[in-house]
Amino acid sequence: MTSFRFYTPTGTEYAYATDPHADAAVLATANGKSYAFLFSLNGAILMIDMQAFLNDAVGTSDPNELAATPFDGTIIQTLPVTAPTTTMETAKRQMTVKQQDHATVRKMQ
């Protein structure tokens, strides 16, 4: 095993999200694999199989740089993120209805 690997993605593969909470790493107890997650400004979350990333073939110019793109769906899966369909006005109306429901329940008690 190697100490590290790297790959420089193109702008269409990944756009760095500058939010400090845009990345994470987890150990999946169901399969014992470690995954990294990155939020991309391209509207997706990238799920990276860390062991597969470390085991992937390297190029000849740098012994730690991956030879080919890992964005193949096996090493890095792109999970699309969709915007919520609830608008702020709809959310406010839903909150108002819930508050009214709670008031009705209190009156009944």
N, C-alpha and C. Protein backbone atom coordinates (compact mmCIF):
# COMPACT_ATOMS: atom_id res chain seq x y z
N MET A 1 0.84 -1.18 0.00
CA MET A 1 0.00 0.00 0.00
C MET A 1 0.89 1.24 0.00
N THR A 2 0.36 2.33 -0.50
CA THR A 2 1.10 3.57 -0.61
C THR A 2 0.74 4.53 0.52
N SER A 3 1.56 5.53 0.71
CA SER A 3 1.27 6.53 1.73
C SER A 3 0.25 7.55 1.24
N PHE A 4 0.25 7.81 -0.08
CA PHE A 4 -0.74 8.73 -0.61
C PHE A 4 -0.85 8.59 -2.12
N ARG A 5 -1.98 9.05 -2.65
CA ARG A 5 -2.22 9.14 -4.09
C ARG A 5 -2.88 10.49 -4.32
N PHE A 6 -2.75 10.99 -5.55
CA PHE A 6 -3.47 12.21 -5.87
C PHE A 6 -3.91 12.20 -7.32
N TYR A 7 -4.91 13.00 -7.56
CA TYR A 7 -5.45 13.19 -8.91
C TYR A 7 -5.96 14.62 -8.97
N THR A 8 -5.65 15.32 -10.04
CA THR A 8 -6.11 16.69 -10.21
C THR A 8 -7.31 16.68 -11.15
N PRO A 9 -8.51 16.89 -10.60
CA PRO A 9 -9.71 16.82 -11.43
C PRO A 9 -9.85 18.02 -12.35
N THR A 10 -10.59 17.82 -13.41
CA THR A 10 -10.90 18.93 -14.31
C THR A 10 -12.08 19.69 -13.71
N GLY A 11 -12.35 20.88 -14.23
CA GLY A 11 -13.46 21.70 -13.75
C GLY A 11 -14.81 21.05 -13.94
N THR A 12 -14.94 20.17 -14.94
CA THR A 12 -16.23 19.51 -15.15
C THR A 12 -16.41 18.32 -14.21
N GLU A 13 -15.31 17.78 -13.68
CA GLU A 13 -15.41 16.65 -12.75
C GLU A 13 -15.70 17.11 -11.33
N TYR A 14 -15.08 18.23 -10.94
CA TYR A 14 -15.20 18.68 -9.55
C TYR A 14 -14.87 20.16 -9.48
N ALA A 15 -15.69 20.90 -8.77
CA ALA A 15 -15.44 22.31 -8.50
C ALA A 15 -15.39 22.48 -6.99
N TYR A 16 -14.26 22.89 -6.48
CA TYR A 16 -14.02 22.96 -5.04
C TYR A 16 -15.02 23.87 -4.34
N ALA A 17 -15.68 23.33 -3.33
CA ALA A 17 -16.59 24.12 -2.49
C ALA A 17 -15.78 24.65 -1.32
N THR A 18 -15.80 25.94 -1.11
CA THR A 18 -14.95 26.56 -0.09
C THR A 18 -15.53 26.51 1.31
N ASP A 19 -16.75 26.03 1.46
CA ASP A 19 -17.34 25.90 2.78
C ASP A 19 -16.48 24.96 3.62
N PRO A 20 -16.19 25.31 4.88
CA PRO A 20 -15.33 24.43 5.70
C PRO A 20 -15.97 23.09 6.03
N HIS A 21 -17.26 22.94 5.79
CA HIS A 21 -17.94 21.67 6.07
C HIS A 21 -18.23 20.91 4.78
N ALA A 22 -17.45 21.16 3.75
CA ALA A 22 -17.71 20.59 2.43
C ALA A 22 -17.09 19.21 2.24
N ASP A 23 -16.40 18.69 3.25
CA ASP A 23 -15.80 17.37 3.09
C ASP A 23 -15.89 16.57 4.39
N ALA A 24 -15.83 15.26 4.25
CA ALA A 24 -15.92 14.38 5.41
C ALA A 24 -15.35 13.01 5.05
N ALA A 25 -15.03 12.24 6.06
CA ALA A 25 -14.60 10.85 5.86
C ALA A 25 -15.36 9.99 6.86
N VAL A 26 -15.80 8.83 6.42
CA VAL A 26 -16.55 7.93 7.30
C VAL A 26 -16.09 6.49 7.07
N LEU A 27 -16.27 5.67 8.09
CA LEU A 27 -16.05 4.22 7.99
C LEU A 27 -17.41 3.57 7.97
N ALA A 28 -17.73 2.89 6.90
CA ALA A 28 -19.02 2.20 6.78
C ALA A 28 -18.91 0.86 7.50
N THR A 29 -19.63 0.71 8.59
CA THR A 29 -19.54 -0.53 9.36
C THR A 29 -20.18 -1.69 8.62
N ALA A 30 -21.09 -1.42 7.69
CA ALA A 30 -21.76 -2.50 6.95
C ALA A 30 -20.79 -3.27 6.07
N ASN A 31 -19.80 -2.57 5.47
CA ASN A 31 -18.86 -3.26 4.58
C ASN A 31 -17.40 -3.05 4.97
N GLY A 32 -17.13 -2.31 6.03
CA GLY A 32 -15.78 -2.10 6.51
C GLY A 32 -14.93 -1.19 5.63
N LYS A 33 -15.55 -0.46 4.70
CA LYS A 33 -14.81 0.42 3.80
C LYS A 33 -14.82 1.86 4.31
N SER A 34 -13.74 2.57 4.00
CA SER A 34 -13.67 3.99 4.31
C SER A 34 -14.05 4.78 3.07
N TYR A 35 -14.89 5.80 3.27
CA TYR A 35 -15.32 6.65 2.17
C TYR A 35 -15.04 8.10 2.53
N ALA A 36 -14.68 8.86 1.52
CA ALA A 36 -14.56 10.31 1.68
C ALA A 36 -15.71 10.93 0.89
N PHE A 37 -16.20 12.04 1.39
CA PHE A 37 -17.28 12.75 0.72
C PHE A 37 -16.85 14.19 0.49
N LEU A 38 -17.07 14.67 -0.72
CA LEU A 38 -16.77 16.05 -1.07
C LEU A 38 -18.00 16.68 -1.68
N PHE A 39 -18.30 17.89 -1.26
CA PHE A 39 -19.38 18.64 -1.89
C PHE A 39 -18.77 19.41 -3.05
N SER A 40 -19.36 19.27 -4.22
CA SER A 40 -18.87 19.95 -5.40
C SER A 40 -19.81 21.10 -5.76
N LEU A 41 -19.25 22.20 -6.18
CA LEU A 41 -20.07 23.33 -6.62
C LEU A 41 -20.78 23.01 -7.93
N ASN A 42 -20.47 21.86 -8.52
CA ASN A 42 -21.17 21.43 -9.73
C ASN A 42 -22.53 20.83 -9.41
N GLY A 43 -22.96 20.90 -8.15
CA GLY A 43 -24.26 20.38 -7.76
C GLY A 43 -24.26 18.90 -7.48
N ALA A 44 -23.21 18.41 -6.84
CA ALA A 44 -23.12 16.98 -6.56
C ALA A 44 -22.30 16.75 -5.29
N ILE A 45 -22.51 15.58 -4.74
CA ILE A 45 -21.65 15.09 -3.66
C ILE A 45 -20.84 13.94 -4.24
N LEU A 46 -19.55 13.96 -4.03
CA LEU A 46 -18.68 12.91 -4.54
C LEU A 46 -18.41 11.92 -3.41
N MET A 47 -18.67 10.64 -3.65
CA MET A 47 -18.39 9.60 -2.68
C MET A 47 -17.19 8.81 -3.20
N ILE A 48 -16.11 8.83 -2.44
CA ILE A 48 -14.84 8.24 -2.87
C ILE A 48 -14.53 7.00 -2.04
N ASP A 49 -14.34 5.88 -2.70
CA ASP A 49 -13.89 4.65 -2.05
C ASP A 49 -12.39 4.82 -1.82
N MET A 50 -11.99 5.05 -0.58
CA MET A 50 -10.59 5.40 -0.29
C MET A 50 -9.61 4.28 -0.62
N GLN A 51 -9.96 3.02 -0.34
CA GLN A 51 -9.04 1.92 -0.64
C GLN A 51 -8.87 1.76 -2.14
N ALA A 52 -9.96 1.87 -2.89
CA ALA A 52 -9.87 1.77 -4.34
C ALA A 52 -9.03 2.91 -4.91
N PHE A 53 -9.16 4.10 -4.32
CA PHE A 53 -8.38 5.25 -4.76
C PHE A 53 -6.88 4.99 -4.55
N LEU A 54 -6.55 4.46 -3.37
CA LEU A 54 -5.14 4.17 -3.08
C LEU A 54 -4.58 3.03 -3.93
N ASN A 55 -5.43 2.07 -4.31
CA ASN A 55 -4.98 0.91 -5.07
C ASN A 55 -4.97 1.13 -6.58
N ASP A 56 -5.52 2.24 -7.06
CA ASP A 56 -5.62 2.46 -8.50
C ASP A 56 -4.24 2.64 -9.12
N ALA A 57 -4.14 2.35 -10.42
CA ALA A 57 -2.87 2.43 -11.14
C ALA A 57 -2.33 3.86 -11.17
N VAL A 58 -1.03 3.95 -11.12
CA VAL A 58 -0.39 5.27 -11.15
C VAL A 58 0.31 5.49 -12.49
N GLY A 59 0.59 6.76 -12.76
CA GLY A 59 1.26 7.13 -14.00
C GLY A 59 2.77 6.95 -13.91
N THR A 60 3.45 7.33 -14.96
CA THR A 60 4.90 7.18 -15.00
C THR A 60 5.64 8.44 -14.59
N SER A 61 5.00 9.60 -14.72
CA SER A 61 5.69 10.85 -14.39
C SER A 61 5.80 11.07 -12.88
N ASP A 62 4.82 10.61 -12.11
CA ASP A 62 4.85 10.74 -10.66
C ASP A 62 4.30 9.44 -10.08
N PRO A 63 5.05 8.79 -9.20
CA PRO A 63 4.61 7.48 -8.69
C PRO A 63 3.39 7.54 -7.78
N ASN A 64 2.91 8.73 -7.44
CA ASN A 64 1.74 8.85 -6.58
C ASN A 64 0.51 9.42 -7.30
N GLU A 65 0.70 9.88 -8.53
CA GLU A 65 -0.42 10.45 -9.29
C GLU A 65 -1.16 9.35 -10.04
N LEU A 66 -2.48 9.35 -9.94
CA LEU A 66 -3.27 8.34 -10.66
C LEU A 66 -3.09 8.50 -12.16
N ALA A 67 -3.03 7.38 -12.85
CA ALA A 67 -2.81 7.38 -14.30
C ALA A 67 -4.05 7.82 -15.08
N ALA A 68 -5.23 7.51 -14.55
CA ALA A 68 -6.47 7.82 -15.26
C ALA A 68 -7.46 8.42 -14.28
N THR A 69 -8.50 9.00 -14.83
CA THR A 69 -9.51 9.61 -13.98
C THR A 69 -10.19 8.58 -13.08
N PRO A 70 -10.35 8.90 -11.81
CA PRO A 70 -11.07 7.99 -10.91
C PRO A 70 -12.59 8.23 -10.96
N PHE A 71 -13.04 9.17 -11.79
CA PHE A 71 -14.47 9.48 -11.89
C PHE A 71 -15.15 8.48 -12.82
N ASP A 72 -15.05 7.21 -12.46
CA ASP A 72 -15.58 6.15 -13.31
C ASP A 72 -16.82 5.49 -12.72
N GLY A 73 -17.26 5.95 -11.56
CA GLY A 73 -18.41 5.34 -10.91
C GLY A 73 -18.04 4.21 -9.98
N THR A 74 -16.80 3.73 -10.05
CA THR A 74 -16.34 2.67 -9.16
C THR A 74 -15.55 3.28 -8.00
N ILE A 75 -14.56 4.10 -8.34
CA ILE A 75 -13.74 4.74 -7.31
C ILE A 75 -14.46 5.97 -6.77
N ILE A 76 -14.91 6.84 -7.67
CA ILE A 76 -15.64 8.04 -7.27
C ILE A 76 -17.03 7.99 -7.90
N GLN A 77 -18.02 8.01 -7.04
CA GLN A 77 -19.40 8.07 -7.52
C GLN A 77 -19.90 9.50 -7.36
N THR A 78 -20.55 10.02 -8.37
CA THR A 78 -21.11 11.36 -8.32
C THR A 78 -22.59 11.24 -7.98
N LEU A 79 -22.96 11.78 -6.84
CA LEU A 79 -24.34 11.73 -6.37
C LEU A 79 -24.97 13.11 -6.58
N PRO A 80 -25.91 13.24 -7.51
CA PRO A 80 -26.48 14.56 -7.78
C PRO A 80 -27.27 15.10 -6.60
N VAL A 81 -27.18 16.39 -6.44
CA VAL A 81 -27.92 17.09 -5.38
C VAL A 81 -28.99 17.93 -6.05
N THR A 82 -30.21 17.77 -5.61
CA THR A 82 -31.29 18.58 -6.17
C THR A 82 -31.72 19.63 -5.15
N ALA A 83 -32.10 20.77 -5.65
CA ALA A 83 -32.55 21.85 -4.78
C ALA A 83 -33.91 21.50 -4.19
N PRO A 84 -34.15 21.90 -2.97
CA PRO A 84 -35.45 21.63 -2.38
C PRO A 84 -36.54 22.39 -3.13
N THR A 85 -37.70 21.77 -3.23
CA THR A 85 -38.79 22.40 -3.97
C THR A 85 -39.64 23.29 -3.07
N THR A 86 -39.46 23.19 -1.78
CA THR A 86 -40.24 24.01 -0.85
C THR A 86 -39.68 25.42 -0.83
N THR A 87 -40.51 26.38 -1.08
CA THR A 87 -40.09 27.77 -1.01
C THR A 87 -40.21 28.27 0.42
N MET A 88 -39.63 29.40 0.69
CA MET A 88 -39.71 29.98 2.03
C MET A 88 -41.16 30.27 2.40
N GLU A 89 -41.94 30.77 1.47
CA GLU A 89 -43.34 31.07 1.75
C GLU A 89 -44.13 29.80 2.10
N THR A 90 -43.87 28.73 1.36
CA THR A 90 -44.54 27.46 1.65
C THR A 90 -44.16 26.97 3.04
N ALA A 91 -42.88 27.07 3.37
CA ALA A 91 -42.42 26.64 4.70
C ALA A 91 -43.08 27.46 5.79
N LYS A 92 -43.22 28.77 5.58
CA LYS A 92 -43.88 29.62 6.58
C LYS A 92 -45.34 29.22 6.76
N ARG A 93 -46.03 28.94 5.65
CA ARG A 93 -47.43 28.51 5.73
C ARG A 93 -47.55 27.19 6.48
N GLN A 94 -46.63 26.26 6.22
CA GLN A 94 -46.67 24.98 6.91
C GLN A 94 -46.45 25.16 8.41
N MET A 95 -45.54 26.05 8.77
CA MET A 95 -45.29 26.32 10.18
C MET A 95 -46.52 26.93 10.84
N THR A 96 -47.18 27.85 10.13
CA THR A 96 -48.38 28.48 10.67
C THR A 96 -49.48 27.45 10.89
N VAL A 97 -49.66 26.55 9.95
CA VAL A 97 -50.66 25.50 10.10
C VAL A 97 -50.33 24.62 11.30
N LYS A 98 -49.07 24.25 11.46
CA LYS A 98 -48.67 23.42 12.60
C LYS A 98 -48.93 24.13 13.91
N GLN A 99 -48.63 25.44 13.96
CA GLN A 99 -48.88 26.22 15.18
C GLN A 99 -50.38 26.25 15.48
N GLN A 100 -51.20 26.41 14.45
CA GLN A 100 -52.65 26.42 14.64
C GLN A 100 -53.13 25.05 15.13
N ASP A 101 -52.59 23.99 14.58
CA ASP A 101 -52.95 22.63 15.01
C ASP A 101 -52.62 22.43 16.49
N HIS A 102 -51.44 22.90 16.91
CA HIS A 102 -51.05 22.77 18.31
C HIS A 102 -51.99 23.55 19.21
N ALA A 103 -52.39 24.74 18.78
CA ALA A 103 -53.32 25.56 19.56
C ALA A 103 -54.66 24.84 19.68
N THR A 104 -55.13 24.23 18.62
CA THR A 104 -56.40 23.50 18.64
C THR A 104 -56.32 22.33 19.62
N VAL A 105 -55.22 21.60 19.60
CA VAL A 105 -55.04 20.46 20.50
C VAL A 105 -55.04 20.94 21.95
N ARG A 106 -54.38 22.08 22.23
CA ARG A 106 -54.33 22.60 23.60
C ARG A 106 -55.75 22.98 24.06
N LYS A 107 -56.55 23.56 23.16
CA LYS A 107 -57.93 23.94 23.53
C LYS A 107 -58.76 22.71 23.82
N MET A 108 -58.54 21.63 23.10
CA MET A 108 -59.33 20.42 23.29
C MET A 108 -58.99 19.74 24.62
N GLN A 109 -57.78 19.93 25.10
CA GLN A 109 -57.38 19.28 26.34
C GLN A 109 -57.99 20.06 27.47
